Amino acid sequence: MNNMELLADALDYMESHLSDDIHTEDVARACYCSKSTLEKLFRCVNKITVREYLIQRRMTKAAKAISAQPETGILEIALQYGYSTNESFTRAFKQVWNCKPSEFRNRKYTELFPRLRMPLEEGDEYVKKRKPVDISELYDLFVERRKCCFVCCDVASLTPINQIARKAGDLAILETLRRMNEAAGEDDIVFRIGGDEFTILTCSEDESYAQALVDKIKEKNGQTFDYEDRKIPLKLHAGIAKFSGSIMRYNDLFAELHTALKESKRI
């Protein structure tokens, strides 16, 4: 088994056991490798630990449940994702979403940490160059809205923010998400396509509609978010994309979205 196959198996195992009480050693055992080998490889490729990834994915799923199931109690949702107390669940949730689970019920949900996927396809250049995410759950919507516009955004100069503190970088990502959700229409869908890259799949084929969203997002450029006692300015690049292929393939769409991001940085 090569390294990419090992990581793919690890991701599959974790995704299948998000509701179970698993730890790094359980994932390593399932992949027939040592804990240190898995941890070193996972951190090298994905820049986070196995434990951090598990927390991110669990809290992403938990946030979706909180948003979609208002009648379900927080503790019941906590139990679904391996947390036996409100306190431990709230700590993990706040670590990812920067708010309490009870406060999230009034927020618009977006999958902040989609499932990662490994670049196993030969010639998959865009995927090899970037951290690939699995947005296959949206495939039917992509097909349905194949002629609609996408608005693509990423953070300008995230590295200096991360150098302040990793938590500051996480808050910059959350602020990016907040601005995009605020600009998006009720039927528009916001999703993540990379480390600091998000896309709005609009419900409109009209580029002027997409441009209005871009303008709303850019109006916020330079505004600050709070990290401890500091106010950190945030600027987003934003551009418009449309799928031009004849057959909807994830890699082709992924490439076009990132091309739009690249072009937006020249403006």
Protein backbone atom coordinates (compact mmCIF):
# COMPACT_ATOMS: atom_id res chain seq x y z
CA MET A 1 0.00 0.00 0.00
CA ASN A 2 1.49 3.37 -0.98
CA ASN A 3 1.20 6.51 1.13
CA MET A 4 -1.75 8.00 -0.75
CA GLU A 5 -3.69 4.73 -0.54
CA LEU A 6 -2.98 4.59 3.20
CA LEU A 7 -4.29 8.12 3.67
CA ALA A 8 -7.35 7.37 1.54
CA ASP A 9 -8.11 4.33 3.71
CA ALA A 10 -7.62 6.41 6.86
CA LEU A 11 -10.05 9.06 5.62
CA ASP A 12 -12.61 6.40 4.67
CA TYR A 13 -12.32 4.77 8.08
CA MET A 14 -12.69 8.05 9.97
CA GLU A 15 -15.69 9.11 7.90
CA SER A 16 -17.40 5.80 8.64
CA HIS A 17 -16.76 6.11 12.38
CA LEU A 18 -17.40 9.77 13.17
CA SER A 19 -20.10 8.70 15.62
CA ASP A 20 -17.80 6.23 17.39
CA ASP A 21 -15.25 6.83 20.12
CA ILE A 22 -12.16 6.36 17.95
CA HIS A 23 -8.66 7.73 18.35
CA THR A 24 -5.53 7.95 16.21
CA GLU A 25 -4.36 4.49 17.25
CA ASP A 26 -7.69 2.99 16.15
CA VAL A 27 -7.33 4.57 12.71
CA ALA A 28 -3.73 3.34 12.42
CA ARG A 29 -4.75 -0.18 13.45
CA ALA A 30 -7.50 -0.22 10.81
CA CYS A 31 -4.95 0.82 8.19
CA TYR A 32 -2.35 -1.75 9.33
CA CYS A 33 0.31 0.82 10.13
CA SER A 34 1.87 2.34 13.22
CA LYS A 35 0.38 5.37 14.92
CA SER A 36 3.58 7.37 14.37
CA THR A 37 3.64 6.53 10.65
CA LEU A 38 0.04 7.58 10.14
CA GLU A 39 0.40 10.74 12.21
CA LYS A 40 3.58 11.85 10.45
CA LEU A 41 2.13 11.22 6.98
CA PHE A 42 -1.25 12.78 7.78
CA ARG A 43 0.32 15.93 9.22
CA CYS A 44 2.77 16.22 6.31
CA VAL A 45 0.01 16.05 3.66
CA ASN A 46 -2.90 17.74 5.45
CA LYS A 47 -1.07 20.11 7.85
CA ILE A 48 -3.19 18.98 10.81
CA THR A 49 -3.21 15.98 13.12
CA VAL A 50 -5.57 13.03 12.86
CA ARG A 51 -7.23 14.12 16.11
CA GLU A 52 -7.76 17.68 14.83
CA TYR A 53 -9.29 16.34 11.62
CA LEU A 54 -11.66 14.10 13.57
CA ILE A 55 -12.79 17.04 15.69
CA GLN A 56 -13.28 19.26 12.64
CA ARG A 57 -15.36 16.65 10.82
CA ARG A 58 -17.44 15.77 13.90
CA MET A 59 -18.18 19.42 14.64
CA THR A 60 -19.03 20.06 11.00
CA LYS A 61 -21.56 17.21 11.07
CA ALA A 62 -22.83 18.28 14.49
CA ALA A 63 -23.36 21.84 13.25
CA LYS A 64 -25.39 20.52 10.34
CA ALA A 65 -27.55 18.50 12.75
CA ILE A 66 -28.05 21.52 15.02
CA SER A 67 -29.10 23.65 12.06
CA ALA A 68 -31.33 21.01 10.40
CA GLN A 69 -32.89 19.51 13.56
CA PRO A 70 -34.04 22.39 15.79
CA GLU A 71 -36.25 20.00 17.76
CA THR A 72 -33.29 17.81 18.77
CA GLY A 73 -31.54 18.63 22.04
CA ILE A 74 -27.86 19.65 22.07
CA LEU A 75 -26.90 16.77 24.37
CA GLU A 76 -28.58 14.26 22.06
CA ILE A 77 -26.52 15.59 19.15
CA ALA A 78 -23.41 15.56 21.34
CA LEU A 79 -23.98 11.89 22.12
CA GLN A 80 -24.31 11.12 18.41
CA TYR A 81 -20.73 12.34 17.92
CA GLY A 82 -19.07 10.67 20.90
CA TYR A 83 -19.40 13.38 23.56
CA SER A 84 -20.97 12.33 26.84
CA THR A 85 -21.42 15.80 28.36
CA ASN A 86 -22.57 19.20 27.19
CA GLU A 87 -19.36 20.71 28.55
CA SER A 88 -16.96 18.58 26.49
CA PHE A 89 -19.10 18.96 23.37
CA THR A 90 -19.33 22.73 23.81
CA ARG A 91 -15.54 23.03 24.16
CA ALA A 92 -14.96 21.10 20.94
CA PHE A 93 -17.73 22.95 19.09
CA LYS A 94 -16.46 26.38 20.16
CA GLN A 95 -12.93 25.39 19.12
CA VAL A 96 -14.18 24.94 15.54
CA TRP A 97 -17.08 27.40 15.21
CA ASN A 98 -16.09 30.06 17.78
CA CYS A 99 -19.56 30.00 19.33
CA LYS A 100 -21.63 27.77 21.58
CA PRO A 101 -23.82 25.05 19.99
CA SER A 102 -26.96 26.80 21.29
CA GLU A 103 -25.93 30.01 19.50
CA PHE A 104 -25.48 28.15 16.21
CA ARG A 105 -29.19 27.38 15.79
CA ASN A 106 -29.71 30.91 14.49
CA ARG A 107 -26.86 30.74 11.97
CA LYS A 108 -26.87 29.73 8.32
CA TYR A 109 -25.07 26.40 8.01
CA THR A 110 -22.17 25.83 5.65
CA GLU A 111 -19.93 22.77 5.70
CA LEU A 112 -16.83 24.43 7.12
CA PHE A 113 -14.60 21.34 7.01
CA PRO A 114 -15.67 19.07 4.12
CA ARG A 115 -14.27 15.57 3.89
CA LEU A 116 -10.80 15.50 2.38
CA ARG A 117 -10.05 13.26 -0.56
CA MET A 118 -6.70 12.08 -1.86
CA PRO A 119 -5.31 12.90 -5.34
CA LEU A 120 -5.25 9.37 -6.70
CA GLU A 121 -6.23 10.12 -10.29
CA GLU A 122 -3.41 10.22 -12.82
CA GLY A 123 -3.07 13.68 -14.32
CA ASP A 124 -5.21 15.26 -11.59
CA GLU A 125 -2.99 18.35 -11.56
CA TYR A 126 -5.31 20.84 -9.86
CA VAL A 127 -6.09 18.35 -7.12
CA LYS A 128 -2.41 17.51 -6.64
CA LYS A 129 -1.47 21.16 -6.19
CA ARG A 130 -4.16 21.89 -3.60
CA LYS A 131 -5.74 20.25 -0.60
CA PRO A 132 -8.67 18.46 -2.28
CA VAL A 133 -12.07 18.28 -0.63
CA ASP A 134 -15.03 16.03 -1.35
CA ILE A 135 -18.06 18.01 -2.44
CA SER A 136 -19.71 15.04 -4.14
CA GLU A 137 -22.85 15.51 -2.04
CA LEU A 138 -23.49 18.65 -4.12
CA TYR A 139 -23.08 16.89 -7.47
CA ASP A 140 -26.81 16.69 -8.24
CA LEU A 141 -27.13 20.40 -7.47
CA PHE A 142 -24.16 21.16 -9.75
CA VAL A 143 -25.88 19.31 -12.59
CA GLU A 144 -29.20 21.02 -11.88
CA ARG A 145 -27.55 24.45 -11.87
CA ARG A 146 -24.88 23.75 -14.47
CA LYS A 147 -25.59 27.08 -16.22
CA CYS A 148 -25.66 29.13 -13.03
CA CYS A 149 -22.86 31.39 -11.86
CA PHE A 150 -20.33 30.64 -9.15
CA VAL A 151 -18.79 33.33 -6.97
CA CYS A 152 -15.33 32.28 -5.79
CA CYS A 153 -13.46 33.83 -2.86
CA ASP A 154 -10.22 33.40 -1.02
CA VAL A 155 -8.36 35.27 1.68
CA ALA A 156 -5.70 37.76 0.64
CA SER A 157 -2.51 37.26 2.67
CA LEU A 158 -3.69 34.58 5.08
CA THR A 159 -0.09 33.60 5.91
CA PRO A 160 0.65 36.77 7.96
CA ILE A 161 -2.58 36.19 9.89
CA ASN A 162 -1.59 32.59 10.61
CA GLN A 163 1.78 33.88 11.80
CA ILE A 164 0.00 35.89 14.49
CA ALA A 165 -1.58 32.66 15.72
CA ARG A 166 -3.23 29.63 14.21
CA LYS A 167 -6.44 30.60 16.00
CA ALA A 168 -6.32 33.99 14.25
CA GLY A 169 -6.19 32.17 10.92
CA ASP A 170 -9.15 30.01 11.92
CA LEU A 171 -11.12 33.15 12.81
CA ALA A 172 -10.22 34.66 9.43
CA ILE A 173 -11.75 31.61 7.74
CA LEU A 174 -14.90 31.94 9.85
CA GLU A 175 -15.13 35.64 9.00
CA THR A 176 -14.77 34.78 5.30
CA LEU A 177 -17.63 32.33 5.64
CA ARG A 178 -19.75 34.88 7.50
CA ARG A 179 -19.26 37.55 4.82
CA MET A 180 -20.09 35.14 2.02
CA ASN A 181 -23.21 33.84 3.76
CA GLU A 182 -24.28 37.41 4.42
CA ALA A 183 -23.92 38.30 0.73
CA ALA A 184 -25.52 35.10 -0.62
CA GLY A 185 -29.19 34.91 -1.47
CA GLU A 186 -31.58 32.56 0.30
CA ASP A 187 -31.29 29.88 -2.41
CA ASP A 188 -27.54 30.25 -2.94
CA ILE A 189 -25.22 27.59 -1.51
CA VAL A 190 -21.85 28.37 0.09
CA PHE A 191 -19.24 25.59 0.20
CA ARG A 192 -15.51 25.22 0.75
CA ILE A 193 -13.13 24.19 -2.04
CA GLY A 194 -9.77 24.56 -0.31
CA GLY A 195 -7.87 25.80 2.71
CA ASP A 196 -9.02 29.43 2.56
CA GLU A 197 -11.15 29.17 -0.58
CA PHE A 198 -14.94 29.20 -0.69
CA THR A 199 -17.53 29.31 -3.46
CA ILE A 200 -21.13 30.45 -3.70
CA LEU A 201 -23.18 28.36 -6.12
CA THR A 202 -25.84 30.86 -7.10
CA CYS A 203 -29.36 30.13 -8.27
CA SER A 204 -28.99 32.52 -11.23
CA GLU A 205 -27.52 32.36 -14.73
CA ASP A 206 -27.32 36.16 -14.77
CA GLU A 207 -23.74 37.36 -14.32
CA SER A 208 -25.00 40.71 -13.04
CA TYR A 209 -26.52 38.85 -10.08
CA ALA A 210 -23.16 37.21 -9.36
CA GLN A 211 -21.37 40.53 -9.77
CA ALA A 212 -23.68 42.08 -7.18
CA LEU A 213 -22.59 39.37 -4.72
CA VAL A 214 -18.94 40.03 -5.54
CA ASP A 215 -19.49 43.74 -4.89
CA LYS A 216 -21.18 43.04 -1.53
CA ILE A 217 -18.26 40.85 -0.47
CA LYS A 218 -15.62 43.36 -1.56
CA GLU A 219 -17.40 46.18 0.25
CA LYS A 220 -16.26 44.52 3.48
CA ASN A 221 -12.59 44.46 2.48
CA GLY A 222 -10.45 46.11 5.12
CA GLN A 223 -12.98 45.60 7.88
CA THR A 224 -11.57 43.85 10.93
CA PHE A 225 -12.33 40.80 13.03
CA ASP A 226 -11.37 40.36 16.67
CA TYR A 227 -8.62 38.07 17.92
CA GLU A 228 -8.05 38.44 21.65
CA ASP A 229 -7.23 42.14 22.09
CA ARG A 230 -6.35 42.74 18.43
CA LYS A 231 -8.40 43.88 15.47
CA ILE A 232 -7.15 42.22 12.30
CA PRO A 233 -8.16 43.57 8.86
CA LEU A 234 -9.39 41.04 6.31
CA LYS A 235 -9.45 41.33 2.53
CA LEU A 236 -11.05 38.80 0.18
CA HIS A 237 -10.40 38.21 -3.49
CA ALA A 238 -13.63 37.45 -5.35
CA GLY A 239 -14.41 36.40 -8.92
CA ILE A 240 -17.11 34.83 -11.08
CA ALA A 241 -17.01 31.43 -12.79
CA LYS A 242 -19.31 29.43 -15.04
CA PHE A 243 -18.93 25.76 -15.89
CA SER A 244 -18.09 25.49 -19.60
CA GLY A 245 -17.72 21.74 -20.06
CA SER A 246 -20.15 19.45 -21.83
CA ILE A 247 -20.11 16.80 -19.08
CA MET A 248 -20.09 17.74 -15.41
CA ARG A 249 -16.89 16.33 -13.88
CA TYR A 250 -15.63 17.33 -10.46
CA ASN A 251 -12.03 17.92 -11.54
CA ASP A 252 -13.06 20.11 -14.48
CA LEU A 253 -15.32 22.19 -12.24
CA PHE A 254 -12.62 22.38 -9.57
CA ALA A 255 -10.12 23.67 -12.16
CA GLU A 256 -12.51 26.34 -13.45
CA LEU A 257 -13.30 27.60 -9.94
CA HIS A 258 -9.61 27.95 -9.14
CA THR A 259 -8.97 29.66 -12.48
CA ALA A 260 -11.60 32.23 -11.51
CA LEU A 261 -9.82 32.73 -8.17
CA LYS A 262 -6.51 33.20 -9.95
CA GLU A 263 -8.02 35.79 -12.27
CA SER A 264 -9.65 37.63 -9.35
CA LYS A 265 -6.23 38.26 -7.81
CA ARG A 266 -5.17 40.23 -10.89
CA ILE A 267 -7.99 42.75 -10.47
